[in-house]
Amino acid sequence: MHRSEELAALMRDRLGVRLGEGFEAKVKHAGRRLPRWARRKSAVIVEALALEAHPKLAQQVQQKKVDKAFKELKYFLERQDVKTRRKNRLLDLIASIAFVILVTLGLVLGIMVWRGLV
């Protein structure tokens, strides 16, 4: 299906999901990078892809629901900004390192006061 390949490419470009070949594998590896509602929409699409592989089961696919899921997921992925995501990850890393340094300095200072060295 062409639309699922387009979504897989958007997940690779916008969310940085490099692992996996095809839409289903990309969704699996995206994990928590996708919000809960987007994971549910992705599950609808994956289920539809599986059903469309069989001629008789393809009749069970609710096309309106699948089209809506494609539209919403594509809209979400197109709005993702790669630069902002990288900047936020860097700021999170810096904040974590600063917190660990402050806690370590606090513990060292506390032990020094407790032992009477300061």
PDB file of N, CA and C in Angstrom:
ATOM      1  N   MET A   1       0.842  -1.179   0.000  1.00  0.00           N
ATOM      2  CA  MET A   1       0.000   0.000   0.000  1.00  0.00           C
ATOM      3  C   MET A   1       0.886   1.240   0.000  1.00  0.00           C
ATOM      4  N   HIS A   2       0.620   2.147  -0.885  1.00  0.00           N
ATOM      5  CA  HIS A   2       1.456   3.323  -1.080  1.00  0.00           C
ATOM      6  C   HIS A   2       1.397   4.282   0.106  1.00  0.00           C
ATOM      7  N   ARG A   3       0.240   4.447   0.692  1.00  0.00           N
ATOM      8  CA  ARG A   3       0.091   5.408   1.798  1.00  0.00           C
ATOM      9  C   ARG A   3       0.885   4.965   3.019  1.00  0.00           C
ATOM     10  N   SER A   4       0.942   3.663   3.267  1.00  0.00           N
ATOM     11  CA  SER A   4       1.692   3.193   4.430  1.00  0.00           C
ATOM     12  C   SER A   4       3.187   3.421   4.235  1.00  0.00           C
ATOM     13  N   GLU A   5       3.663   3.311   3.009  1.00  0.00           N
ATOM     14  CA  GLU A   5       5.078   3.592   2.737  1.00  0.00           C
ATOM     15  C   GLU A   5       5.373   5.081   2.963  1.00  0.00           C
ATOM     16  N   GLU A   6       4.415   5.925   2.613  1.00  0.00           N
ATOM     17  CA  GLU A   6       4.574   7.357   2.829  1.00  0.00           C
ATOM     18  C   GLU A   6       4.654   7.669   4.329  1.00  0.00           C
ATOM     19  N   LEU A   7       3.802   7.016   5.116  1.00  0.00           N
ATOM     20  CA  LEU A   7       3.846   7.215   6.568  1.00  0.00           C
ATOM     21  C   LEU A   7       5.145   6.683   7.157  1.00  0.00           C
ATOM     22  N   ALA A   8       5.620   5.543   6.635  1.00  0.00           N
ATOM     23  CA  ALA A   8       6.887   4.986   7.119  1.00  0.00           C
ATOM     24  C   ALA A   8       8.033   5.961   6.826  1.00  0.00           C
ATOM     25  N   ALA A   9       8.014   6.584   5.655  1.00  0.00           N
ATOM     26  CA  ALA A   9       9.056   7.566   5.313  1.00  0.00           C
ATOM     27  C   ALA A   9       8.967   8.783   6.224  1.00  0.00           C
ATOM     28  N   LEU A  10       7.760   9.238   6.531  1.00  0.00           N
ATOM     29  CA  LEU A  10       7.598  10.372   7.450  1.00  0.00           C
ATOM     30  C   LEU A  10       8.099  10.024   8.852  1.00  0.00           C
ATOM     31  N   MET A  11       7.842   8.799   9.295  1.00  0.00           N
ATOM     32  CA  MET A  11       8.322   8.386  10.617  1.00  0.00           C
ATOM     33  C   MET A  11       9.847   8.352  10.637  1.00  0.00           C
ATOM     34  N   ARG A  12      10.446   7.922   9.531  1.00  0.00           N
ATOM     35  CA  ARG A  12      11.904   7.898   9.455  1.00  0.00           C
ATOM     36  C   ARG A  12      12.462   9.319   9.480  1.00  0.00           C
ATOM     37  N   ASP A  13      11.867  10.207   8.689  1.00  0.00           N
ATOM     38  CA  ASP A  13      12.402  11.561   8.563  1.00  0.00           C
ATOM     39  C   ASP A  13      12.083  12.445   9.764  1.00  0.00           C
ATOM     40  N   ARG A  14      10.876  12.372  10.272  1.00  0.00           N
ATOM     41  CA  ARG A  14      10.435  13.301  11.311  1.00  0.00           C
ATOM     42  C   ARG A  14      10.666  12.798  12.728  1.00  0.00           C
ATOM     43  N   LEU A  15      10.544  11.478  12.949  1.00  0.00           N
ATOM     44  CA  LEU A  15      10.723  10.937  14.300  1.00  0.00           C
ATOM     45  C   LEU A  15      12.072  10.261  14.488  1.00  0.00           C
ATOM     46  N   GLY A  16      12.799  10.054  13.406  1.00  0.00           N
ATOM     47  CA  GLY A  16      14.106   9.425  13.510  1.00  0.00           C
ATOM     48  C   GLY A  16      14.034   7.928  13.741  1.00  0.00           C
ATOM     49  N   VAL A  17      12.985   7.276  13.286  1.00  0.00           N
ATOM     50  CA  VAL A  17      12.846   5.826  13.443  1.00  0.00           C
ATOM     51  C   VAL A  17      13.583   5.174  12.279  1.00  0.00           C
ATOM     52  N   ARG A  18      14.787   4.714  12.518  1.00  0.00           N
ATOM     53  CA  ARG A  18      15.609   4.142  11.461  1.00  0.00           C
ATOM     54  C   ARG A  18      15.429   2.626  11.353  1.00  0.00           C
ATOM     55  N   LEU A  19      15.150   1.975  12.453  1.00  0.00           N
ATOM     56  CA  LEU A  19      15.040   0.522  12.450  1.00  0.00           C
ATOM     57  C   LEU A  19      13.737   0.067  11.816  1.00  0.00           C
ATOM     58  N   GLY A  20      13.772  -1.095  11.227  1.00  0.00           N
ATOM     59  CA  GLY A  20      12.556  -1.686  10.685  1.00  0.00           C
ATOM     60  C   GLY A  20      12.329  -1.327   9.233  1.00  0.00           C
ATOM     61  N   GLU A  21      11.743  -2.250   8.536  1.00  0.00           N
ATOM     62  CA  GLU A  21      11.408  -2.056   7.122  1.00  0.00           C
ATOM     63  C   GLU A  21       9.898  -2.093   6.999  1.00  0.00           C
ATOM     64  N   GLY A  22       9.300  -1.047   6.503  1.00  0.00           N
ATOM     65  CA  GLY A  22       7.860  -0.985   6.348  1.00  0.00           C
ATOM     66  C   GLY A  22       7.193  -0.279   7.522  1.00  0.00           C
ATOM     67  N   PHE A  23       5.913  -0.030   7.338  1.00  0.00           N
ATOM     68  CA  PHE A  23       5.158   0.764   8.314  1.00  0.00           C
ATOM     69  C   PHE A  23       5.013   0.059   9.657  1.00  0.00           C
ATOM     70  N   GLU A  24       4.665  -1.217   9.635  1.00  0.00           N
ATOM     71  CA  GLU A  24       4.430  -1.938  10.886  1.00  0.00           C
ATOM     72  C   GLU A  24       5.678  -1.967  11.762  1.00  0.00           C
ATOM     73  N   ALA A  25       6.831  -2.212  11.158  1.00  0.00           N
ATOM     74  CA  ALA A  25       8.089  -2.241  11.917  1.00  0.00           C
ATOM     75  C   ALA A  25       8.440  -0.854  12.452  1.00  0.00           C
ATOM     76  N   LYS A  26       8.170   0.184  11.669  1.00  0.00           N
ATOM     77  CA  LYS A  26       8.460   1.545  12.127  1.00  0.00           C
ATOM     78  C   LYS A  26       7.595   1.913  13.334  1.00  0.00           C
ATOM     79  N   VAL A  27       6.327   1.512  13.284  1.00  0.00           N
ATOM     80  CA  VAL A  27       5.429   1.799  14.415  1.00  0.00           C
ATOM     81  C   VAL A  27       5.923   1.079  15.662  1.00  0.00           C
ATOM     82  N   LYS A  28       6.346  -0.155  15.488  1.00  0.00           N
ATOM     83  CA  LYS A  28       6.834  -0.939  16.622  1.00  0.00           C
ATOM     84  C   LYS A  28       8.067  -0.294  17.247  1.00  0.00           C
ATOM     85  N   HIS A  29       8.973   0.187  16.412  1.00  0.00           N
ATOM     86  CA  HIS A  29      10.197   0.788  16.930  1.00  0.00           C
ATOM     87  C   HIS A  29      10.004   2.234  17.389  1.00  0.00           C
ATOM     88  N   ALA A  30       8.958   2.891  16.929  1.00  0.00           N
ATOM     89  CA  ALA A  30       8.716   4.274  17.362  1.00  0.00           C
ATOM     90  C   ALA A  30       8.366   4.322  18.841  1.00  0.00           C
ATOM     91  N   GLY A  31       7.586   3.353  19.301  1.00  0.00           N
ATOM     92  CA  GLY A  31       7.259   3.267  20.719  1.00  0.00           C
ATOM     93  C   GLY A  31       6.627   4.531  21.253  1.00  0.00           C
ATOM     94  N   ARG A  32       7.250   5.090  22.283  1.00  0.00           N
ATOM     95  CA  ARG A  32       6.659   6.232  22.974  1.00  0.00           C
ATOM     96  C   ARG A  32       6.939   7.562  22.287  1.00  0.00           C
ATOM     97  N   ARG A  33       7.634   7.527  21.157  1.00  0.00           N
ATOM     98  CA  ARG A  33       7.787   8.762  20.391  1.00  0.00           C
ATOM     99  C   ARG A  33       6.455   9.174  19.780  1.00  0.00           C
ATOM    100  N   LEU A  34       5.561   8.202  19.649  1.00  0.00           N
ATOM    101  CA  LEU A  34       4.209   8.494  19.172  1.00  0.00           C
ATOM    102  C   LEU A  34       3.292   8.636  20.374  1.00  0.00           C
ATOM    103  N   PRO A  35       2.399   9.609  20.378  1.00  0.00           N
ATOM    104  CA  PRO A  35       1.425   9.705  21.467  1.00  0.00           C
ATOM    105  C   PRO A  35       0.470   8.505  21.439  1.00  0.00           C
ATOM    106  N   ARG A  36      -0.221   8.306  22.529  1.00  0.00           N
ATOM    107  CA  ARG A  36      -1.113   7.151  22.655  1.00  0.00           C
ATOM    108  C   ARG A  36      -2.156   7.116  21.544  1.00  0.00           C
ATOM    109  N   TRP A  37      -2.750   8.266  21.223  1.00  0.00           N
ATOM    110  CA  TRP A  37      -3.773   8.285  20.186  1.00  0.00           C
ATOM    111  C   TRP A  37      -3.184   7.909  18.831  1.00  0.00           C
ATOM    112  N   ALA A  38      -1.941   8.316  18.581  1.00  0.00           N
ATOM    113  CA  ALA A  38      -1.300   7.991  17.303  1.00  0.00           C
ATOM    114  C   ALA A  38      -0.950   6.505  17.231  1.00  0.00           C
ATOM    115  N   ARG A  39      -0.597   5.909  18.370  1.00  0.00           N
ATOM    116  CA  ARG A  39      -0.348   4.460  18.381  1.00  0.00           C
ATOM    117  C   ARG A  39      -1.625   3.695  18.100  1.00  0.00           C
ATOM    118  N   ARG A  40      -2.765   4.192  18.620  1.00  0.00           N
ATOM    119  CA  ARG A  40      -4.052   3.536  18.328  1.00  0.00           C
ATOM    120  C   ARG A  40      -4.401   3.663  16.848  1.00  0.00           C
ATOM    121  N   LYS A  41      -4.200   4.832  16.277  1.00  0.00           N
ATOM    122  CA  LYS A  41      -4.454   5.019  14.845  1.00  0.00           C
ATOM    123  C   LYS A  41      -3.535   4.125  14.017  1.00  0.00           C
ATOM    124  N   SER A  42      -2.288   3.994  14.444  1.00  0.00           N
ATOM    125  CA  SER A  42      -1.349   3.131  13.743  1.00  0.00           C
ATOM    126  C   SER A  42      -1.790   1.676  13.803  1.00  0.00           C
ATOM    127  N   ALA A  43      -2.339   1.274  14.945  1.00  0.00           N
ATOM    128  CA  ALA A  43      -2.822  -0.104  15.070  1.00  0.00           C
ATOM    129  C   ALA A  43      -3.976  -0.369  14.110  1.00  0.00           C
ATOM    130  N   VAL A  44      -4.834   0.623  13.911  1.00  0.00           N
ATOM    131  CA  VAL A  44      -5.943   0.486  12.952  1.00  0.00           C
ATOM    132  C   VAL A  44      -5.378   0.277  11.548  1.00  0.00           C
ATOM    133  N   ILE A  45      -4.363   1.033  11.193  1.00  0.00           N
ATOM    134  CA  ILE A  45      -3.765   0.925   9.863  1.00  0.00           C
ATOM    135  C   ILE A  45      -3.063  -0.415   9.693  1.00  0.00           C
ATOM    136  N   VAL A  46      -2.325  -0.853  10.711  1.00  0.00           N
ATOM    137  CA  VAL A  46      -1.614  -2.131  10.631  1.00  0.00           C
ATOM    138  C   VAL A  46      -2.611  -3.276  10.485  1.00  0.00           C
ATOM    139  N   GLU A  47      -3.697  -3.211  11.232  1.00  0.00           N
ATOM    140  CA  GLU A  47      -4.723  -4.247  11.121  1.00  0.00           C
ATOM    141  C   GLU A  47      -5.338  -4.259   9.722  1.00  0.00           C
ATOM    142  N   ALA A  48      -5.591  -3.078   9.171  1.00  0.00           N
ATOM    143  CA  ALA A  48      -6.162  -2.989   7.826  1.00  0.00           C
ATOM    144  C   ALA A  48      -5.186  -3.545   6.784  1.00  0.00           C
ATOM    145  N   LEU A  49      -3.907  -3.281   6.971  1.00  0.00           N
ATOM    146  CA  LEU A  49      -2.912  -3.810   6.040  1.00  0.00           C
ATOM    147  C   LEU A  49      -2.885  -5.331   6.082  1.00  0.00           C
ATOM    148  N   ALA A  50      -2.996  -5.886   7.283  1.00  0.00           N
ATOM    149  CA  ALA A  50      -3.002  -7.344   7.412  1.00  0.00           C
ATOM    150  C   ALA A  50      -4.245  -7.949   6.776  1.00  0.00           C
ATOM    151  N   LEU A  51      -5.400  -7.300   6.956  1.00  0.00           N
ATOM    152  CA  LEU A  51      -6.643  -7.829   6.394  1.00  0.00           C
ATOM    153  C   LEU A  51      -6.681  -7.702   4.872  1.00  0.00           C
ATOM    154  N   GLU A  52      -6.072  -6.654   4.341  1.00  0.00           N
ATOM    155  CA  GLU A  52      -6.099  -6.449   2.896  1.00  0.00           C
ATOM    156  C   GLU A  52      -5.252  -7.458   2.138  1.00  0.00           C
ATOM    157  N   ALA A  53      -4.401  -8.166   2.842  1.00  0.00           N
ATOM    158  CA  ALA A  53      -3.586  -9.190   2.190  1.00  0.00           C
ATOM    159  C   ALA A  53      -4.425 -10.402   1.789  1.00  0.00           C
ATOM    160  N   HIS A  54      -5.589 -10.585   2.396  1.00  0.00           N
ATOM    161  CA  HIS A  54      -6.466 -11.718   2.109  1.00  0.00           C
ATOM    162  C   HIS A  54      -7.731 -11.199   1.419  1.00  0.00           C
ATOM    163  N   PRO A  55      -8.090 -11.783   0.291  1.00  0.00           N
ATOM    164  CA  PRO A  55      -9.233 -11.267  -0.474  1.00  0.00           C
ATOM    165  C   PRO A  55     -10.558 -11.257   0.295  1.00  0.00           C
ATOM    166  N   LYS A  56     -10.854 -12.315   1.025  1.00  0.00           N
ATOM    167  CA  LYS A  56     -12.136 -12.353   1.733  1.00  0.00           C
ATOM    168  C   LYS A  56     -12.115 -11.471   2.983  1.00  0.00           C
ATOM    169  N   LEU A  57     -10.974 -11.414   3.643  1.00  0.00           N
ATOM    170  CA  LEU A  57     -10.878 -10.589   4.847  1.00  0.00           C
ATOM    171  C   LEU A  57     -10.818  -9.099   4.510  1.00  0.00           C
ATOM    172  N   ALA A  58     -10.425  -8.773   3.290  1.00  0.00           N
ATOM    173  CA  ALA A  58     -10.338  -7.364   2.888  1.00  0.00           C
ATOM    174  C   ALA A  58     -11.705  -6.694   2.915  1.00  0.00           C
ATOM    175  N   GLN A  59     -12.764  -7.467   2.831  1.00  0.00           N
ATOM    176  CA  GLN A  59     -14.113  -6.900   2.872  1.00  0.00           C
ATOM    177  C   GLN A  59     -14.470  -6.386   4.266  1.00  0.00           C
ATOM    178  N   GLN A  60     -13.744  -6.841   5.281  1.00  0.00           N
ATOM    179  CA  GLN A  60     -14.029  -6.434   6.660  1.00  0.00           C
ATOM    180  C   GLN A  60     -13.412  -5.082   7.017  1.00  0.00           C
ATOM    181  N   VAL A  61     -12.536  -4.579   6.173  1.00  0.00           N
ATOM    182  CA  VAL A  61     -11.853  -3.318   6.467  1.00  0.00           C
ATOM    183  C   VAL A  61     -12.853  -2.167   6.385  1.00  0.00           C
ATOM    184  N   GLN A  62     -12.898  -1.362   7.438  1.00  0.00           N
ATOM    185  CA  GLN A  62     -13.752  -0.169   7.451  1.00  0.00           C
ATOM    186  C   GLN A  62     -12.931   0.976   6.853  1.00  0.00           C
ATOM    187  N   GLN A  63     -13.179   1.222   5.575  1.00  0.00           N
ATOM    188  CA  GLN A  63     -12.341   2.150   4.816  1.00  0.00           C
ATOM    189  C   GLN A  63     -12.372   3.569   5.366  1.00  0.00           C
ATOM    190  N   LYS A  64     -13.517   4.030   5.845  1.00  0.00           N
ATOM    191  CA  LYS A  64     -13.602   5.392   6.390  1.00  0.00           C
ATOM    192  C   LYS A  64     -12.720   5.531   7.625  1.00  0.00           C
ATOM    193  N   LYS A  65     -12.745   4.522   8.468  1.00  0.00           N
ATOM    194  CA  LYS A  65     -11.941   4.545   9.690  1.00  0.00           C
ATOM    195  C   LYS A  65     -10.448   4.539   9.347  1.00  0.00           C
ATOM    196  N   VAL A  66     -10.072   3.743   8.371  1.00  0.00           N
ATOM    197  CA  VAL A  66      -8.666   3.664   7.959  1.00  0.00           C
ATOM    198  C   VAL A  66      -8.226   4.972   7.307  1.00  0.00           C
ATOM    199  N   ASP A  67      -9.069   5.538   6.463  1.00  0.00           N
ATOM    200  CA  ASP A  67      -8.737   6.817   5.822  1.00  0.00           C
ATOM    201  C   ASP A  67      -8.555   7.925   6.853  1.00  0.00           C
ATOM    202  N   LYS A  68      -9.418   7.939   7.850  1.00  0.00           N
ATOM    203  CA  LYS A  68      -9.314   8.945   8.906  1.00  0.00           C
ATOM    204  C   LYS A  68      -8.013   8.754   9.695  1.00  0.00           C
ATOM    205  N   ALA A  69      -7.661   7.499   9.982  1.00  0.00           N
ATOM    206  CA  ALA A  69      -6.421   7.217  10.709  1.00  0.00           C
ATOM    207  C   ALA A  69      -5.212   7.668   9.892  1.00  0.00           C
ATOM    208  N   PHE A  70      -5.206   7.367   8.595  1.00  0.00           N
ATOM    209  CA  PHE A  70      -4.110   7.819   7.728  1.00  0.00           C
ATOM    210  C   PHE A  70      -3.997   9.336   7.743  1.00  0.00           C
ATOM    211  N   LYS A  71      -5.116  10.012   7.607  1.00  0.00           N
ATOM    212  CA  LYS A  71      -5.119  11.468   7.531  1.00  0.00           C
ATOM    213  C   LYS A  71      -4.581  12.090   8.821  1.00  0.00           C
ATOM    214  N   GLU A  72      -5.064  11.604   9.957  1.00  0.00           N
ATOM    215  CA  GLU A  72      -4.644  12.179  11.243  1.00  0.00           C
ATOM    216  C   GLU A  72      -3.183  11.879  11.544  1.00  0.00           C
ATOM    217  N   LEU A  73      -2.753  10.655  11.241  1.00  0.00           N
ATOM    218  CA  LEU A  73      -1.365  10.293  11.514  1.00  0.00           C
ATOM    219  C   LEU A  73      -0.413  11.062  10.594  1.00  0.00           C
ATOM    220  N   LYS A  74      -0.786  11.233   9.344  1.00  0.00           N
ATOM    221  CA  LYS A  74       0.045  11.991   8.406  1.00  0.00           C
ATOM    222  C   LYS A  74       0.135  13.448   8.847  1.00  0.00           C
ATOM    223  N   TYR A  75      -0.987  14.020   9.277  1.00  0.00           N
ATOM    224  CA  TYR A  75      -0.986  15.405   9.747  1.00  0.00           C
ATOM    225  C   TYR A  75      -0.059  15.563  10.952  1.00  0.00           C
ATOM    226  N   PHE A  76      -0.124  14.623  11.881  1.00  0.00           N
ATOM    227  CA  PHE A  76       0.729  14.668  13.067  1.00  0.00           C
ATOM    228  C   PHE A  76       2.210  14.577  12.685  1.00  0.00           C
ATOM    229  N   LEU A  77       2.534  13.636  11.810  1.00  0.00           N
ATOM    230  CA  LEU A  77       3.932  13.438  11.437  1.00  0.00           C
ATOM    231  C   LEU A  77       4.490  14.623  10.652  1.00  0.00           C
ATOM    232  N   GLU A  78       3.670  15.240   9.821  1.00  0.00           N
ATOM    233  CA  GLU A  78       4.141  16.394   9.054  1.00  0.00           C
ATOM    234  C   GLU A  78       4.401  17.608   9.935  1.00  0.00           C
ATOM    235  N   ARG A  79       3.740  17.694  11.084  1.00  0.00           N
ATOM    236  CA  ARG A  79       3.926  18.842  11.984  1.00  0.00           C
ATOM    237  C   ARG A  79       5.132  18.691  12.888  1.00  0.00           C
ATOM    238  N   GLN A  80       5.746  17.521  12.941  1.00  0.00           N
ATOM    239  CA  GLN A  80       6.888  17.305  13.813  1.00  0.00           C
ATOM    240  C   GLN A  80       8.106  18.048  13.288  1.00  0.00           C
ATOM    241  N   ASP A  81       8.776  18.781  14.173  1.00  0.00           N
ATOM    242  CA  ASP A  81       9.948  19.557  13.799  1.00  0.00           C
ATOM    243  C   ASP A  81      11.199  18.857  14.315  1.00  0.00           C
ATOM    244  N   VAL A  82      12.055  18.477  13.401  1.00  0.00           N
ATOM    245  CA  VAL A  82      13.251  17.717  13.755  1.00  0.00           C
ATOM    246  C   VAL A  82      14.199  18.551  14.605  1.00  0.00           C
ATOM    247  N   LYS A  83      14.377  19.822  14.254  1.00  0.00           N
ATOM    248  CA  LYS A  83      15.300  20.684  14.997  1.00  0.00           C
ATOM    249  C   LYS A  83      14.840  20.877  16.439  1.00  0.00           C
ATOM    250  N   THR A  84      13.552  21.087  16.626  1.00  0.00           N
ATOM    251  CA  THR A  84      13.027  21.274  17.977  1.00  0.00           C
ATOM    252  C   THR A  84      13.180  20.004  18.806  1.00  0.00           C
ATOM    253  N   ARG A  85      12.946  18.857  18.179  1.00  0.00           N
ATOM    254  CA  ARG A  85      13.080  17.584  18.896  1.00  0.00           C
ATOM    255  C   ARG A  85      14.519  17.374  19.336  1.00  0.00           C
ATOM    256  N   ARG A  86      15.486  17.668  18.449  1.00  0.00           N
ATOM    257  CA  ARG A  86      16.898  17.519  18.812  1.00  0.00           C
ATOM    258  C   ARG A  86      17.284  18.497  19.921  1.00  0.00           C
ATOM    259  N   LYS A  87      16.803  19.741  19.813  1.00  0.00           N
ATOM    260  CA  LYS A  87      17.123  20.748  20.820  1.00  0.00           C
ATOM    261  C   LYS A  87      16.578  20.323  22.186  1.00  0.00           C
ATOM    262  N   ASN A  88      15.345  19.809  22.215  1.00  0.00           N
ATOM    263  CA  ASN A  88      14.746  19.372  23.481  1.00  0.00           C
ATOM    264  C   ASN A  88      15.495  18.195  24.073  1.00  0.00           C
ATOM    265  N   ARG A  89      15.942  17.274  23.233  1.00  0.00           N
ATOM    266  CA  ARG A  89      16.711  16.139  23.758  1.00  0.00           C
ATOM    267  C   ARG A  89      18.033  16.602  24.349  1.00  0.00           C
ATOM    268  N   LEU A  90      18.692  17.554  23.700  1.00  0.00           N
ATOM    269  CA  LEU A  90      19.945  18.093  24.215  1.00  0.00           C
ATOM    270  C   LEU A  90      19.727  18.821  25.538  1.00  0.00           C
ATOM    271  N   LEU A  91      18.673  19.623  25.620  1.00  0.00           N
ATOM    272  CA  LEU A  91      18.373  20.333  26.866  1.00  0.00           C
ATOM    273  C   LEU A  91      18.023  19.363  27.995  1.00  0.00           C
ATOM    274  N   ASP A  92      17.317  18.289  27.677  1.00  0.00           N
ATOM    275  CA  ASP A  92      17.014  17.267  28.688  1.00  0.00           C
ATOM    276  C   ASP A  92      18.289  16.609  29.203  1.00  0.00           C
ATOM    277  N   LEU A  93      19.218  16.329  28.305  1.00  0.00           N
ATOM    278  CA  LEU A  93      20.487  15.726  28.705  1.00  0.00           C
ATOM    279  C   LEU A  93      21.279  16.672  29.602  1.00  0.00           C
ATOM    280  N   ILE A  94      21.350  17.931  29.226  1.00  0.00           N
ATOM    281  CA  ILE A  94      22.083  18.921  30.025  1.00  0.00           C
ATOM    282  C   ILE A  94      21.436  19.072  31.409  1.00  0.00           C
ATOM    283  N   ALA A  95      20.116  19.105  31.461  1.00  0.00           N
ATOM    284  CA  ALA A  95      19.424  19.235  32.747  1.00  0.00           C
ATOM    285  C   ALA A  95      19.681  18.014  33.627  1.00  0.00           C
ATOM    286  N   SER A  96      19.698  16.829  33.047  1.00  0.00           N
ATOM    287  CA  SER A  96      19.965  15.613  33.825  1.00  0.00           C
ATOM    288  C   SER A  96      21.380  15.621  34.395  1.00  0.00           C
ATOM    289  N   ILE A  97      22.336  16.023  33.573  1.00  0.00           N
ATOM    290  CA  ILE A  97      23.723  16.077  34.039  1.00  0.00           C
ATOM    291  C   ILE A  97      23.866  17.118  35.143  1.00  0.00           C
ATOM    292  N   ALA A  98      23.248  18.284  34.982  1.00  0.00           N
ATOM    293  CA  ALA A  98      23.325  19.327  36.008  1.00  0.00           C
ATOM    294  C   ALA A  98      22.708  18.844  37.316  1.00  0.00           C
ATOM    295  N   PHE A  99      21.589  18.127  37.234  1.00  0.00           N
ATOM    296  CA  PHE A  99      20.942  17.618  38.443  1.00  0.00           C
ATOM    297  C   PHE A  99      21.855  16.627  39.172  1.00  0.00           C
ATOM    298  N   VAL A 100      22.485  15.734  38.432  1.00  0.00           N
ATOM    299  CA  VAL A 100      23.379  14.750  39.047  1.00  0.00           C
ATOM    300  C   VAL A 100      24.566  15.449  39.700  1.00  0.00           C
ATOM    301  N   ILE A 101      25.117  16.454  39.048  1.00  0.00           N
ATOM    302  CA  ILE A 101      26.253  17.186  39.624  1.00  0.00           C
ATOM    303  C   ILE A 101      25.833  17.905  40.902  1.00  0.00           C
ATOM    304  N   LEU A 102      24.669  18.564  40.898  1.00  0.00           N
ATOM    305  CA  LEU A 102      24.199  19.269  42.091  1.00  0.00           C
ATOM    306  C   LEU A 102      23.944  18.307  43.249  1.00  0.00           C
ATOM    307  N   VAL A 103      23.349  17.170  42.981  1.00  0.00           N
ATOM    308  CA  VAL A 103      23.089  16.188  44.040  1.00  0.00           C
ATOM    309  C   VAL A 103      24.406  15.657  44.600  1.00  0.00           C
ATOM    310  N   THR A 104      25.359  15.378  43.714  1.00  0.00           N
ATOM    311  CA  THR A 104      26.663  14.886  44.171  1.00  0.00           C
ATOM    312  C   THR A 104      27.373  15.933  45.028  1.00  0.00           C
ATOM    313  N   LEU A 105      27.379  17.173  44.592  1.00  0.00           N
ATOM    314  CA  LEU A 105      28.000  18.236  45.392  1.00  0.00           C
ATOM    315  C   LEU A 105      27.293  18.403  46.731  1.00  0.00           C
ATOM    316  N   GLY A 106      25.982  18.308  46.724  1.00  0.00           N
ATOM    317  CA  GLY A 106      25.235  18.401  47.977  1.00  0.00           C
ATOM    318  C   GLY A 106      25.588  17.275  48.939  1.00  0.00           C
ATOM    319  N   LEU A 107      25.702  16.053  48.414  1.00  0.00           N
ATOM    320  CA  LEU A 107      26.084  14.927  49.273  1.00  0.00           C
ATOM    321  C   LEU A 107      27.498  15.094  49.818  1.00  0.00           C
ATOM    322  N   VAL A 108      28.423  15.513  48.977  1.00  0.00           N
ATOM    323  CA  VAL A 108      29.804  15.720  49.429  1.00  0.00           C
ATOM    324  C   VAL A 108      29.839  16.802  50.500  1.00  0.00           C
ATOM    325  N   LEU A 109      29.151  17.903  50.288  1.00  0.00           N
ATOM    326  CA  LEU A 109      29.118  18.985  51.275  1.00  0.00           C
ATOM    327  C   LEU A 109      28.456  18.511  52.567  1.00  0.00           C
ATOM    328  N   GLY A 110      27.377  17.736  52.450  1.00  0.00           N
ATOM    329  CA  GLY A 110      26.705  17.214  53.638  1.00  0.00           C
ATOM    330  C   GLY A 110      27.606  16.294  54.447  1.00  0.00           C
ATOM    331  N   ILE A 111      28.354  15.438  53.773  1.00  0.00           N
ATOM    332  CA  ILE A 111      29.280  14.536  54.476  1.00  0.00           C
ATOM    333  C   ILE A 111      30.397  15.335  55.130  1.00  0.00           C
ATOM    334  N   MET A 112      30.883  16.351  54.454  1.00  0.00           N
ATOM    335  CA  MET A 112      31.943  17.185  55.043  1.00  0.00           C
ATOM    336  C   MET A 112      31.459  17.906  56.287  1.00  0.00           C
ATOM    337  N   VAL A 113      30.216  18.420  56.268  1.00  0.00           N
ATOM    338  CA  VAL A 113      29.662  19.085  57.450  1.00  0.00           C
ATOM    339  C   VAL A 113      29.441  18.059  58.558  1.00  0.00           C
ATOM    340  N   TRP A 114      28.968  16.900  58.213  1.00  0.00           N
ATOM    341  CA  TRP A 114      28.691  15.856  59.203  1.00  0.00           C
ATOM    342  C   TRP A 114      29.966  15.401  59.904  1.00  0.00           C
ATOM    343  N   ARG A 115      31.062  15.347  59.180  1.00  0.00           N
ATOM    344  CA  ARG A 115      32.344  14.919  59.747  1.00  0.00           C
ATOM    345  C   ARG A 115      33.103  16.073  60.396  1.00  0.00           C
ATOM    346  N   GLY A 116      32.612  17.271  60.233  1.00  0.00           N
ATOM    347  CA  GLY A 116      33.234  18.430  60.863  1.00  0.00           C
ATOM    348  C   GLY A 116      34.402  18.988  60.064  1.00  0.00           C
ATOM    349  N   LEU A 117      34.451  18.712  58.791  1.00  0.00           N
ATOM    350  CA  LEU A 117      35.542  19.214  57.954  1.00  0.00           C
ATOM    351  C   LEU A 117      35.283  20.621  57.465  1.00  0.00           C
ATOM    352  N   VAL A 118      34.038  21.086  57.563  1.00  0.00           N
ATOM    353  CA  VAL A 118      33.718  22.442  57.132  1.00  0.00           C
ATOM    354  C   VAL A 118      33.136  23.217  58.276  1.00  0.00           C
TER     355      VAL A 118
END
